[in-house]
Amino acid sequence: MGIAWGRNPINGDANFDLDEDKKKDQLDLFEGKKLTKIEAFQQRLRENVLNRKIKNNFDALDFAFDEAHIGNHAAGELKKMKAEKLIDYEAPSPLVTYDNVYKNKRLLDYKLLKK
């Protein structure tokens, strides 16, 4: 886990809620619910998986790191997508970790499932 995310699991920025993500649980009368930093990242990840810009765990981890997130944030969304039967992969987890990708070079493809 990245140092910043270890110190601040809400938004990984500082040792306080810099982006006021705790307040984003409240609905805004005009805009609806504002997404937290993690939720916005997970939404972008989902879009990239569904439009096939992210096809495997290597792509997913690189995307997470490029977006200043940790693999767990991507893994959670990928597990959710599998449970929703949007994607499938042949492993108990989506393998979005530094060890699986960079150390062990375990490639895991994500297959889109038809609705």
PDB file of N, CA and C in Angstrom:
ATOM      1  N   MET A   1       0.846  -1.170   0.000  1.00  0.00           N
ATOM      2  CA  MET A   1       0.000   0.000   0.000  1.00  0.00           C
ATOM      3  C   MET A   1       0.887   1.225   0.000  1.00  0.00           C
ATOM      4  N   GLY A   2       0.488   2.227  -0.776  1.00  0.00           N
ATOM      5  CA  GLY A   2       1.246   3.455  -0.833  1.00  0.00           C
ATOM      6  C   GLY A   2       1.234   4.173   0.506  1.00  0.00           C
ATOM      7  N   ILE A   3       2.295   4.927   0.795  1.00  0.00           N
ATOM      8  CA  ILE A   3       2.422   5.606   2.075  1.00  0.00           C
ATOM      9  C   ILE A   3       1.274   6.573   2.300  1.00  0.00           C
ATOM     10  N   ALA A   4       0.970   7.382   1.303  1.00  0.00           N
ATOM     11  CA  ALA A   4      -0.101   8.368   1.462  1.00  0.00           C
ATOM     12  C   ALA A   4      -1.442   7.696   1.718  1.00  0.00           C
ATOM     13  N   TRP A   5      -1.739   6.612   0.999  1.00  0.00           N
ATOM     14  CA  TRP A   5      -3.015   5.920   1.196  1.00  0.00           C
ATOM     15  C   TRP A   5      -3.032   5.216   2.541  1.00  0.00           C
ATOM     16  N   GLY A   6      -1.873   4.801   3.045  1.00  0.00           N
ATOM     17  CA  GLY A   6      -1.801   4.190   4.366  1.00  0.00           C
ATOM     18  C   GLY A   6      -2.094   5.195   5.467  1.00  0.00           C
ATOM     19  N   ARG A   7      -1.652   6.426   5.275  1.00  0.00           N
ATOM     20  CA  ARG A   7      -1.882   7.475   6.266  1.00  0.00           C
ATOM     21  C   ARG A   7      -3.280   8.074   6.152  1.00  0.00           C
ATOM     22  N   ASN A   8      -3.813   8.110   4.936  1.00  0.00           N
ATOM     23  CA  ASN A   8      -5.133   8.696   4.733  1.00  0.00           C
ATOM     24  C   ASN A   8      -5.909   7.833   3.748  1.00  0.00           C
ATOM     25  N   PRO A   9      -6.626   6.814   4.237  1.00  0.00           N
ATOM     26  CA  PRO A   9      -7.348   5.908   3.336  1.00  0.00           C
ATOM     27  C   PRO A   9      -8.553   6.546   2.655  1.00  0.00           C
ATOM     28  N   ILE A  10      -8.928   7.747   3.052  1.00  0.00           N
ATOM     29  CA  ILE A  10     -10.072   8.417   2.440  1.00  0.00           C
ATOM     30  C   ILE A  10      -9.713   8.969   1.071  1.00  0.00           C
ATOM     31  N   ASN A  11      -8.585   9.695   0.974  1.00  0.00           N
ATOM     32  CA  ASN A  11      -8.214  10.274  -0.317  1.00  0.00           C
ATOM     33  C   ASN A  11      -6.720  10.254  -0.606  1.00  0.00           C
ATOM     34  N   GLY A  12      -5.912   9.733   0.296  1.00  0.00           N
ATOM     35  CA  GLY A  12      -4.491   9.551   0.042  1.00  0.00           C
ATOM     36  C   GLY A  12      -3.687  10.818  -0.128  1.00  0.00           C
ATOM     37  N   ASP A  13      -4.241  11.962   0.195  1.00  0.00           N
ATOM     38  CA  ASP A  13      -3.547  13.221  -0.051  1.00  0.00           C
ATOM     39  C   ASP A  13      -2.729  13.731   1.125  1.00  0.00           C
ATOM     40  N   ALA A  14      -3.283  13.693   2.299  1.00  0.00           N
ATOM     41  CA  ALA A  14      -2.631  14.296   3.451  1.00  0.00           C
ATOM     42  C   ALA A  14      -3.109  13.588   4.703  1.00  0.00           C
ATOM     43  N   ASN A  15      -2.639  14.054   5.864  1.00  0.00           N
ATOM     44  CA  ASN A  15      -3.090  13.428   7.102  1.00  0.00           C
ATOM     45  C   ASN A  15      -4.386  14.062   7.607  1.00  0.00           C
ATOM     46  N   PHE A  16      -5.075  14.754   6.704  1.00  0.00           N
ATOM     47  CA  PHE A  16      -6.400  15.293   6.985  1.00  0.00           C
ATOM     48  C   PHE A  16      -7.215  15.214   5.700  1.00  0.00           C
ATOM     49  N   ASP A  17      -8.503  15.456   5.770  1.00  0.00           N
ATOM     50  CA  ASP A  17      -9.409  15.300   4.628  1.00  0.00           C
ATOM     51  C   ASP A  17      -9.313  16.520   3.714  1.00  0.00           C
ATOM     52  N   LEU A  18      -8.260  16.594   2.932  1.00  0.00           N
ATOM     53  CA  LEU A  18      -7.966  17.723   2.053  1.00  0.00           C
ATOM     54  C   LEU A  18      -9.092  18.008   1.062  1.00  0.00           C
ATOM     55  N   ASP A  19      -9.650  16.966   0.476  1.00  0.00           N
ATOM     56  CA  ASP A  19     -10.699  17.127  -0.537  1.00  0.00           C
ATOM     57  C   ASP A  19     -12.110  17.103   0.053  1.00  0.00           C
ATOM     58  N   GLU A  20     -12.204  17.072   1.385  1.00  0.00           N
ATOM     59  CA  GLU A  20     -13.479  17.007   2.076  1.00  0.00           C
ATOM     60  C   GLU A  20     -14.338  15.837   1.578  1.00  0.00           C
ATOM     61  N   ASP A  21     -13.712  14.671   1.373  1.00  0.00           N
ATOM     62  CA  ASP A  21     -14.420  13.495   0.876  1.00  0.00           C
ATOM     63  C   ASP A  21     -15.467  12.982   1.861  1.00  0.00           C
ATOM     64  N   LYS A  22     -15.289  13.216   3.156  1.00  0.00           N
ATOM     65  CA  LYS A  22     -16.282  12.766   4.129  1.00  0.00           C
ATOM     66  C   LYS A  22     -17.618  13.472   3.910  1.00  0.00           C
ATOM     67  N   LYS A  23     -17.576  14.712   3.463  1.00  0.00           N
ATOM     68  CA  LYS A  23     -18.805  15.469   3.228  1.00  0.00           C
ATOM     69  C   LYS A  23     -19.509  15.036   1.942  1.00  0.00           C
ATOM     70  N   LYS A  24     -18.839  14.302   1.079  1.00  0.00           N
ATOM     71  CA  LYS A  24     -19.400  13.932  -0.218  1.00  0.00           C
ATOM     72  C   LYS A  24     -20.439  12.819  -0.119  1.00  0.00           C
ATOM     73  N   ASP A  25     -20.645  12.274   1.079  1.00  0.00           N
ATOM     74  CA  ASP A  25     -21.715  11.301   1.271  1.00  0.00           C
ATOM     75  C   ASP A  25     -23.080  11.975   1.254  1.00  0.00           C
ATOM     76  N   GLN A  26     -23.087  13.284   1.497  1.00  0.00           N
ATOM     77  CA  GLN A  26     -24.341  14.030   1.517  1.00  0.00           C
ATOM     78  C   GLN A  26     -24.768  14.368   0.099  1.00  0.00           C
ATOM     79  N   LEU A  27     -26.059  14.348  -0.143  1.00  0.00           N
ATOM     80  CA  LEU A  27     -26.585  14.689  -1.460  1.00  0.00           C
ATOM     81  C   LEU A  27     -26.646  16.200  -1.629  1.00  0.00           C
ATOM     82  N   ASP A  28     -26.293  16.657  -2.801  1.00  0.00           N
ATOM     83  CA  ASP A  28     -26.426  18.059  -3.166  1.00  0.00           C
ATOM     84  C   ASP A  28     -27.754  18.197  -3.895  1.00  0.00           C
ATOM     85  N   LEU A  29     -28.531  19.181  -3.542  1.00  0.00           N
ATOM     86  CA  LEU A  29     -29.860  19.361  -4.105  1.00  0.00           C
ATOM     87  C   LEU A  29     -29.827  19.483  -5.623  1.00  0.00           C
ATOM     88  N   PHE A  30     -28.812  20.114  -6.164  1.00  0.00           N
ATOM     89  CA  PHE A  30     -28.752  20.389  -7.596  1.00  0.00           C
ATOM     90  C   PHE A  30     -27.883  19.403  -8.375  1.00  0.00           C
ATOM     91  N   GLU A  31     -26.830  18.910  -7.764  1.00  0.00           N
ATOM     92  CA  GLU A  31     -25.879  18.056  -8.479  1.00  0.00           C
ATOM     93  C   GLU A  31     -25.972  16.580  -8.117  1.00  0.00           C
ATOM     94  N   GLY A  32     -26.722  16.209  -7.089  1.00  0.00           N
ATOM     95  CA  GLY A  32     -26.748  14.828  -6.634  1.00  0.00           C
ATOM     96  C   GLY A  32     -25.533  14.544  -5.771  1.00  0.00           C
ATOM     97  N   LYS A  33     -25.201  13.289  -5.598  1.00  0.00           N
ATOM     98  CA  LYS A  33     -24.065  12.909  -4.760  1.00  0.00           C
ATOM     99  C   LYS A  33     -22.755  13.200  -5.475  1.00  0.00           C
ATOM    100  N   LYS A  34     -21.858  13.879  -4.791  1.00  0.00           N
ATOM    101  CA  LYS A  34     -20.529  14.130  -5.340  1.00  0.00           C
ATOM    102  C   LYS A  34     -19.666  12.902  -5.066  1.00  0.00           C
ATOM    103  N   LEU A  35     -18.868  12.510  -6.040  1.00  0.00           N
ATOM    104  CA  LEU A  35     -18.026  11.332  -5.890  1.00  0.00           C
ATOM    105  C   LEU A  35     -16.778  11.653  -5.080  1.00  0.00           C
ATOM    106  N   THR A  36     -16.379  10.702  -4.244  1.00  0.00           N
ATOM    107  CA  THR A  36     -15.111  10.825  -3.543  1.00  0.00           C
ATOM    108  C   THR A  36     -13.991  10.587  -4.549  1.00  0.00           C
ATOM    109  N   LYS A  37     -12.778  10.821  -4.129  1.00  0.00           N
ATOM    110  CA  LYS A  37     -11.630  10.592  -5.007  1.00  0.00           C
ATOM    111  C   LYS A  37     -11.569   9.124  -5.448  1.00  0.00           C
ATOM    112  N   ILE A  38     -11.821   8.214  -4.525  1.00  0.00           N
ATOM    113  CA  ILE A  38     -11.776   6.782  -4.852  1.00  0.00           C
ATOM    114  C   ILE A  38     -12.927   6.410  -5.780  1.00  0.00           C
ATOM    115  N   GLU A  39     -14.129   6.900  -5.483  1.00  0.00           N
ATOM    116  CA  GLU A  39     -15.284   6.594  -6.331  1.00  0.00           C
ATOM    117  C   GLU A  39     -15.091   7.117  -7.753  1.00  0.00           C
ATOM    118  N   ALA A  40     -14.541   8.315  -7.895  1.00  0.00           N
ATOM    119  CA  ALA A  40     -14.296   8.879  -9.227  1.00  0.00           C
ATOM    120  C   ALA A  40     -13.269   8.037  -9.980  1.00  0.00           C
ATOM    121  N   PHE A  41     -12.211   7.600  -9.272  1.00  0.00           N
ATOM    122  CA  PHE A  41     -11.212   6.730  -9.884  1.00  0.00           C
ATOM    123  C   PHE A  41     -11.858   5.420 -10.343  1.00  0.00           C
ATOM    124  N   GLN A  42     -12.669   4.824  -9.474  1.00  0.00           N
ATOM    125  CA  GLN A  42     -13.293   3.547  -9.807  1.00  0.00           C
ATOM    126  C   GLN A  42     -14.250   3.684 -10.983  1.00  0.00           C
ATOM    127  N   GLN A  43     -14.912   4.807 -11.091  1.00  0.00           N
ATOM    128  CA  GLN A  43     -15.784   5.048 -12.235  1.00  0.00           C
ATOM    129  C   GLN A  43     -14.968   5.136 -13.529  1.00  0.00           C
ATOM    130  N   ARG A  44     -13.830   5.821 -13.489  1.00  0.00           N
ATOM    131  CA  ARG A  44     -12.963   5.907 -14.674  1.00  0.00           C
ATOM    132  C   ARG A  44     -12.383   4.543 -15.033  1.00  0.00           C
ATOM    133  N   LEU A  45     -12.006   3.767 -14.028  1.00  0.00           N
ATOM    134  CA  LEU A  45     -11.497   2.416 -14.261  1.00  0.00           C
ATOM    135  C   LEU A  45     -12.555   1.569 -14.951  1.00  0.00           C
ATOM    136  N   ARG A  46     -13.778   1.604 -14.418  1.00  0.00           N
ATOM    137  CA  ARG A  46     -14.893   0.836 -14.993  1.00  0.00           C
ATOM    138  C   ARG A  46     -15.090   1.206 -16.458  1.00  0.00           C
ATOM    139  N   GLU A  47     -15.125   2.489 -16.754  1.00  0.00           N
ATOM    140  CA  GLU A  47     -15.309   2.944 -18.136  1.00  0.00           C
ATOM    141  C   GLU A  47     -14.199   2.420 -19.040  1.00  0.00           C
ATOM    142  N   ASN A  48     -12.961   2.451 -18.539  1.00  0.00           N
ATOM    143  CA  ASN A  48     -11.826   1.988 -19.338  1.00  0.00           C
ATOM    144  C   ASN A  48     -11.833   0.479 -19.545  1.00  0.00           C
ATOM    145  N   VAL A  49     -12.341  -0.271 -18.579  1.00  0.00           N
ATOM    146  CA  VAL A  49     -12.465  -1.724 -18.757  1.00  0.00           C
ATOM    147  C   VAL A  49     -13.555  -2.017 -19.781  1.00  0.00           C
ATOM    148  N   LEU A  50     -14.675  -1.336 -19.644  1.00  0.00           N
ATOM    149  CA  LEU A  50     -15.803  -1.597 -20.542  1.00  0.00           C
ATOM    150  C   LEU A  50     -15.526  -1.167 -21.979  1.00  0.00           C
ATOM    151  N   ASN A  51     -14.683  -0.143 -22.177  1.00  0.00           N
ATOM    152  CA  ASN A  51     -14.348   0.257 -23.549  1.00  0.00           C
ATOM    153  C   ASN A  51     -13.031  -0.376 -24.017  1.00  0.00           C
ATOM    154  N   ARG A  52     -12.541  -1.363 -23.229  1.00  0.00           N
ATOM    155  CA  ARG A  52     -11.388  -2.213 -23.576  1.00  0.00           C
ATOM    156  C   ARG A  52     -10.047  -1.482 -23.612  1.00  0.00           C
ATOM    157  N   LYS A  53      -9.947  -0.318 -22.964  1.00  0.00           N
ATOM    158  CA  LYS A  53      -8.640   0.320 -22.815  1.00  0.00           C
ATOM    159  C   LYS A  53      -7.838  -0.408 -21.739  1.00  0.00           C
ATOM    160  N   ILE A  54      -8.532  -1.023 -20.794  1.00  0.00           N
ATOM    161  CA  ILE A  54      -7.912  -1.860 -19.770  1.00  0.00           C
ATOM    162  C   ILE A  54      -8.387  -3.278 -20.026  1.00  0.00           C
ATOM    163  N   LYS A  55      -7.426  -4.164 -20.350  1.00  0.00           N
ATOM    164  CA  LYS A  55      -7.771  -5.536 -20.729  1.00  0.00           C
ATOM    165  C   LYS A  55      -7.260  -6.596 -19.757  1.00  0.00           C
ATOM    166  N   ASN A  56      -6.369  -6.199 -18.844  1.00  0.00           N
ATOM    167  CA  ASN A  56      -5.771  -7.185 -17.950  1.00  0.00           C
ATOM    168  C   ASN A  56      -5.254  -6.503 -16.686  1.00  0.00           C
ATOM    169  N   ASN A  57      -4.679  -7.312 -15.784  1.00  0.00           N
ATOM    170  CA  ASN A  57      -4.198  -6.776 -14.517  1.00  0.00           C
ATOM    171  C   ASN A  57      -2.993  -5.852 -14.688  1.00  0.00           C
ATOM    172  N   PHE A  58      -2.184  -6.044 -15.725  1.00  0.00           N
ATOM    173  CA  PHE A  58      -1.061  -5.136 -15.982  1.00  0.00           C
ATOM    174  C   PHE A  58      -1.600  -3.743 -16.307  1.00  0.00           C
ATOM    175  N   ASP A  59      -2.583  -3.694 -17.201  1.00  0.00           N
ATOM    176  CA  ASP A  59      -3.212  -2.418 -17.569  1.00  0.00           C
ATOM    177  C   ASP A  59      -3.872  -1.769 -16.352  1.00  0.00           C
ATOM    178  N   ALA A  60      -4.551  -2.580 -15.543  1.00  0.00           N
ATOM    179  CA  ALA A  60      -5.286  -2.048 -14.393  1.00  0.00           C
ATOM    180  C   ALA A  60      -4.342  -1.443 -13.357  1.00  0.00           C
ATOM    181  N   LEU A  61      -3.227  -2.121 -13.068  1.00  0.00           N
ATOM    182  CA  LEU A  61      -2.291  -1.595 -12.081  1.00  0.00           C
ATOM    183  C   LEU A  61      -1.598  -0.347 -12.608  1.00  0.00           C
ATOM    184  N   ASP A  62      -1.202  -0.353 -13.868  1.00  0.00           N
ATOM    185  CA  ASP A  62      -0.594   0.844 -14.454  1.00  0.00           C
ATOM    186  C   ASP A  62      -1.560   2.017 -14.402  1.00  0.00           C
ATOM    187  N   PHE A  63      -2.835   1.771 -14.698  1.00  0.00           N
ATOM    188  CA  PHE A  63      -3.854   2.821 -14.640  1.00  0.00           C
ATOM    189  C   PHE A  63      -3.977   3.345 -13.210  1.00  0.00           C
ATOM    190  N   ALA A  64      -4.020   2.442 -12.237  1.00  0.00           N
ATOM    191  CA  ALA A  64      -4.123   2.857 -10.832  1.00  0.00           C
ATOM    192  C   ALA A  64      -2.936   3.725 -10.440  1.00  0.00           C
ATOM    193  N   PHE A  65      -1.732   3.288 -10.775  1.00  0.00           N
ATOM    194  CA  PHE A  65      -0.543   4.064 -10.425  1.00  0.00           C
ATOM    195  C   PHE A  65      -0.526   5.408 -11.149  1.00  0.00           C
ATOM    196  N   ASP A  66      -0.907   5.422 -12.427  1.00  0.00           N
ATOM    197  CA  ASP A  66      -0.956   6.681 -13.186  1.00  0.00           C
ATOM    198  C   ASP A  66      -1.941   7.666 -12.565  1.00  0.00           C
ATOM    199  N   GLU A  67      -2.994   7.141 -11.950  1.00  0.00           N
ATOM    200  CA  GLU A  67      -4.028   7.976 -11.340  1.00  0.00           C
ATOM    201  C   GLU A  67      -3.743   8.239  -9.852  1.00  0.00           C
ATOM    202  N   ALA A  68      -2.564   7.824  -9.379  1.00  0.00           N
ATOM    203  CA  ALA A  68      -2.132   8.011  -7.985  1.00  0.00           C
ATOM    204  C   ALA A  68      -3.013   7.238  -6.999  1.00  0.00           C
ATOM    205  N   HIS A  69      -3.378   6.014  -7.391  1.00  0.00           N
ATOM    206  CA  HIS A  69      -4.159   5.135  -6.523  1.00  0.00           C
ATOM    207  C   HIS A  69      -3.398   3.847  -6.296  1.00  0.00           C
ATOM    208  N   ILE A  70      -3.905   3.035  -5.411  1.00  0.00           N
ATOM    209  CA  ILE A  70      -3.288   1.744  -5.106  1.00  0.00           C
ATOM    210  C   ILE A  70      -4.090   0.635  -5.775  1.00  0.00           C
ATOM    211  N   GLY A  71      -3.461  -0.505  -5.921  1.00  0.00           N
ATOM    212  CA  GLY A  71      -4.104  -1.638  -6.578  1.00  0.00           C
ATOM    213  C   GLY A  71      -5.400  -2.073  -5.930  1.00  0.00           C
ATOM    214  N   ASN A  72      -5.506  -1.933  -4.602  1.00  0.00           N
ATOM    215  CA  ASN A  72      -6.732  -2.329  -3.900  1.00  0.00           C
ATOM    216  C   ASN A  72      -7.949  -1.563  -4.396  1.00  0.00           C
ATOM    217  N   HIS A  73      -7.767  -0.298  -4.756  1.00  0.00           N
ATOM    218  CA  HIS A  73      -8.892   0.493  -5.251  1.00  0.00           C
ATOM    219  C   HIS A  73      -9.387  -0.073  -6.586  1.00  0.00           C
ATOM    220  N   ALA A  74      -8.464  -0.487  -7.435  1.00  0.00           N
ATOM    221  CA  ALA A  74      -8.840  -1.093  -8.714  1.00  0.00           C
ATOM    222  C   ALA A  74      -9.430  -2.480  -8.490  1.00  0.00           C
ATOM    223  N   ALA A  75      -8.808  -3.267  -7.620  1.00  0.00           N
ATOM    224  CA  ALA A  75      -9.265  -4.633  -7.372  1.00  0.00           C
ATOM    225  C   ALA A  75     -10.697  -4.651  -6.864  1.00  0.00           C
ATOM    226  N   GLY A  76     -11.036  -3.733  -5.982  1.00  0.00           N
ATOM    227  CA  GLY A  76     -12.395  -3.678  -5.455  1.00  0.00           C
ATOM    228  C   GLY A  76     -13.427  -3.458  -6.550  1.00  0.00           C
ATOM    229  N   GLU A  77     -13.130  -2.552  -7.462  1.00  0.00           N
ATOM    230  CA  GLU A  77     -14.072  -2.274  -8.551  1.00  0.00           C
ATOM    231  C   GLU A  77     -14.141  -3.441  -9.528  1.00  0.00           C
ATOM    232  N   LEU A  78     -13.017  -4.078  -9.805  1.00  0.00           N
ATOM    233  CA  LEU A  78     -13.002  -5.220 -10.722  1.00  0.00           C
ATOM    234  C   LEU A  78     -13.784  -6.399 -10.138  1.00  0.00           C
ATOM    235  N   LYS A  79     -13.671  -6.618  -8.834  1.00  0.00           N
ATOM    236  CA  LYS A  79     -14.456  -7.675  -8.172  1.00  0.00           C
ATOM    237  C   LYS A  79     -15.937  -7.358  -8.273  1.00  0.00           C
ATOM    238  N   LYS A  80     -16.274  -6.104  -8.090  1.00  0.00           N
ATOM    239  CA  LYS A  80     -17.669  -5.675  -8.195  1.00  0.00           C
ATOM    240  C   LYS A  80     -18.186  -5.906  -9.615  1.00  0.00           C
ATOM    241  N   MET A  81     -17.377  -5.587 -10.612  1.00  0.00           N
ATOM    242  CA  MET A  81     -17.773  -5.791 -12.007  1.00  0.00           C
ATOM    243  C   MET A  81     -17.966  -7.269 -12.314  1.00  0.00           C
ATOM    244  N   LYS A  82     -17.128  -8.119 -11.718  1.00  0.00           N
ATOM    245  CA  LYS A  82     -17.280  -9.560 -11.916  1.00  0.00           C
ATOM    246  C   LYS A  82     -18.574 -10.038 -11.269  1.00  0.00           C
ATOM    247  N   ALA A  83     -18.867  -9.557 -10.073  1.00  0.00           N
ATOM    248  CA  ALA A  83     -20.106  -9.935  -9.387  1.00  0.00           C
ATOM    249  C   ALA A  83     -21.333  -9.475 -10.170  1.00  0.00           C
ATOM    250  N   GLU A  84     -21.207  -8.341 -10.858  1.00  0.00           N
ATOM    251  CA  GLU A  84     -22.305  -7.822 -11.684  1.00  0.00           C
ATOM    252  C   GLU A  84     -22.366  -8.494 -13.053  1.00  0.00           C
ATOM    253  N   LYS A  85     -21.454  -9.441 -13.282  1.00  0.00           N
ATOM    254  CA  LYS A  85     -21.369 -10.184 -14.539  1.00  0.00           C
ATOM    255  C   LYS A  85     -21.116  -9.291 -15.754  1.00  0.00           C
ATOM    256  N   LEU A  86     -20.298  -8.252 -15.524  1.00  0.00           N
ATOM    257  CA  LEU A  86     -19.861  -7.389 -16.621  1.00  0.00           C
ATOM    258  C   LEU A  86     -18.552  -7.906 -17.216  1.00  0.00           C
ATOM    259  N   ILE A  87     -17.715  -8.490 -16.345  1.00  0.00           N
ATOM    260  CA  ILE A  87     -16.442  -9.064 -16.784  1.00  0.00           C
ATOM    261  C   ILE A  87     -16.254 -10.414 -16.108  1.00  0.00           C
ATOM    262  N   ASP A  88     -15.251 -11.147 -16.605  1.00  0.00           N
ATOM    263  CA  ASP A  88     -14.873 -12.398 -15.960  1.00  0.00           C
ATOM    264  C   ASP A  88     -13.361 -12.521 -16.046  1.00  0.00           C
ATOM    265  N   TYR A  89     -12.780 -13.199 -15.077  1.00  0.00           N
ATOM    266  CA  TYR A  89     -11.357 -13.523 -15.087  1.00  0.00           C
ATOM    267  C   TYR A  89     -11.183 -14.841 -14.349  1.00  0.00           C
ATOM    268  N   GLU A  90     -10.155 -15.577 -14.743  1.00  0.00           N
ATOM    269  CA  GLU A  90      -9.961 -16.933 -14.232  1.00  0.00           C
ATOM    270  C   GLU A  90      -8.998 -16.963 -13.051  1.00  0.00           C
ATOM    271  N   ALA A  91      -9.407 -16.334 -11.968  1.00  0.00           N
ATOM    272  CA  ALA A  91      -8.634 -16.325 -10.724  1.00  0.00           C
ATOM    273  C   ALA A  91      -9.577 -15.900  -9.602  1.00  0.00           C
ATOM    274  N   PRO A  92      -9.213 -16.210  -8.364  1.00  0.00           N
ATOM    275  CA  PRO A  92     -10.074 -15.790  -7.260  1.00  0.00           C
ATOM    276  C   PRO A  92     -10.087 -14.272  -7.043  1.00  0.00           C
ATOM    277  N   SER A  93      -9.053 -13.594  -7.513  1.00  0.00           N
ATOM    278  CA  SER A  93      -8.995 -12.138  -7.407  1.00  0.00           C
ATOM    279  C   SER A  93      -8.480 -11.580  -8.735  1.00  0.00           C
ATOM    280  N   PRO A  94      -8.605 -10.265  -8.951  1.00  0.00           N
ATOM    281  CA  PRO A  94      -8.155  -9.679 -10.221  1.00  0.00           C
ATOM    282  C   PRO A  94      -6.635  -9.492 -10.320  1.00  0.00           C
ATOM    283  N   LEU A  95      -5.884  -9.877  -9.295  1.00  0.00           N
ATOM    284  CA  LEU A  95      -4.412  -9.850  -9.290  1.00  0.00           C
ATOM    285  C   LEU A  95      -3.821  -8.467  -9.589  1.00  0.00           C
ATOM    286  N   VAL A  96      -4.418  -7.429  -9.032  1.00  0.00           N
ATOM    287  CA  VAL A  96      -3.933  -6.069  -9.250  1.00  0.00           C
ATOM    288  C   VAL A  96      -3.022  -5.683  -8.089  1.00  0.00           C
ATOM    289  N   THR A  97      -1.852  -6.335  -8.035  1.00  0.00           N
ATOM    290  CA  THR A  97      -0.861  -6.029  -7.002  1.00  0.00           C
ATOM    291  C   THR A  97       0.512  -5.899  -7.643  1.00  0.00           C
ATOM    292  N   TYR A  98       1.396  -5.207  -6.958  1.00  0.00           N
ATOM    293  CA  TYR A  98       2.762  -5.034  -7.442  1.00  0.00           C
ATOM    294  C   TYR A  98       3.441  -6.389  -7.620  1.00  0.00           C
ATOM    295  N   ASP A  99       3.277  -7.269  -6.642  1.00  0.00           N
ATOM    296  CA  ASP A  99       3.918  -8.586  -6.726  1.00  0.00           C
ATOM    297  C   ASP A  99       3.433  -9.383  -7.925  1.00  0.00           C
ATOM    298  N   ASN A 100       2.135  -9.428  -8.137  1.00  0.00           N
ATOM    299  CA  ASN A 100       1.598 -10.205  -9.261  1.00  0.00           C
ATOM    300  C   ASN A 100       2.020  -9.642 -10.608  1.00  0.00           C
ATOM    301  N   VAL A 101       2.041  -8.342 -10.735  1.00  0.00           N
ATOM    302  CA  VAL A 101       2.336  -7.721 -12.029  1.00  0.00           C
ATOM    303  C   VAL A 101       3.836  -7.596 -12.274  1.00  0.00           C
ATOM    304  N   TYR A 102       4.551  -6.923 -11.382  1.00  0.00           N
ATOM    305  CA  TYR A 102       5.947  -6.594 -11.661  1.00  0.00           C
ATOM    306  C   TYR A 102       6.949  -7.655 -11.199  1.00  0.00           C
ATOM    307  N   LYS A 103       6.664  -8.316 -10.077  1.00  0.00           N
ATOM    308  CA  LYS A 103       7.597  -9.329  -9.591  1.00  0.00           C
ATOM    309  C   LYS A 103       7.383 -10.673 -10.274  1.00  0.00           C
ATOM    310  N   ASN A 104       6.147 -11.173 -10.205  1.00  0.00           N
ATOM    311  CA  ASN A 104       5.848 -12.518 -10.695  1.00  0.00           C
ATOM    312  C   ASN A 104       5.364 -12.550 -12.134  1.00  0.00           C
ATOM    313  N   LYS A 105       5.062 -11.390 -12.683  1.00  0.00           N
ATOM    314  CA  LYS A 105       4.615 -11.255 -14.084  1.00  0.00           C
ATOM    315  C   LYS A 105       3.450 -12.196 -14.413  1.00  0.00           C
ATOM    316  N   ARG A 106       2.453 -12.249 -13.505  1.00  0.00           N
ATOM    317  CA  ARG A 106       1.253 -13.076 -13.686  1.00  0.00           C
ATOM    318  C   ARG A 106       0.216 -12.271 -14.457  1.00  0.00           C
ATOM    319  N   LEU A 107       0.082 -12.562 -15.715  1.00  0.00           N
ATOM    320  CA  LEU A 107      -0.873 -11.855 -16.569  1.00  0.00           C
ATOM    321  C   LEU A 107      -2.260 -12.481 -16.437  1.00  0.00           C
ATOM    322  N   LEU A 108      -3.253 -11.651 -16.162  1.00  0.00           N
ATOM    323  CA  LEU A 108      -4.629 -12.117 -16.055  1.00  0.00           C
ATOM    324  C   LEU A 108      -5.507 -11.247 -16.940  1.00  0.00           C
ATOM    325  N   ASP A 109      -6.102 -11.856 -17.946  1.00  0.00           N
ATOM    326  CA  ASP A 109      -6.971 -11.130 -18.867  1.00  0.00           C
ATOM    327  C   ASP A 109      -8.363 -10.992 -18.269  1.00  0.00           C
ATOM    328  N   TYR A 110      -8.984  -9.834 -18.533  1.00  0.00           N
ATOM    329  CA  TYR A 110     -10.371  -9.579 -18.154  1.00  0.00           C
ATOM    330  C   TYR A 110     -11.223  -9.690 -19.402  1.00  0.00           C
ATOM    331  N   LYS A 111     -12.186 -10.586 -19.361  1.00  0.00           N
ATOM    332  CA  LYS A 111     -13.070 -10.807 -20.516  1.00  0.00           C
ATOM    333  C   LYS A 111     -14.388 -10.083 -20.291  1.00  0.00           C
ATOM    334  N   LEU A 112     -14.816  -9.332 -21.303  1.00  0.00           N
ATOM    335  CA  LEU A 112     -16.118  -8.695 -21.233  1.00  0.00           C
ATOM    336  C   LEU A 112     -17.201  -9.741 -21.434  1.00  0.00           C
ATOM    337  N   LEU A 113     -18.253  -9.664 -20.654  1.00  0.00           N
ATOM    338  CA  LEU A 113     -19.376 -10.573 -20.808  1.00  0.00           C
ATOM    339  C   LEU A 113     -20.509  -9.814 -21.478  1.00  0.00           C
ATOM    340  N   LYS A 114     -21.222 -10.490 -22.342  1.00  0.00           N
ATOM    341  CA  LYS A 114     -22.341  -9.853 -23.042  1.00  0.00           C
ATOM    342  C   LYS A 114     -23.517  -9.721 -22.093  1.00  0.00           C
ATOM    343  N   LYS A 115     -24.238  -8.628 -22.223  1.00  0.00           N
ATOM    344  CA  LYS A 115     -25.412  -8.404 -21.374  1.00  0.00           C
ATOM    345  C   LYS A 115     -26.614  -9.121 -21.941  1.00  0.00           C
TER     346      LYS A 115
END
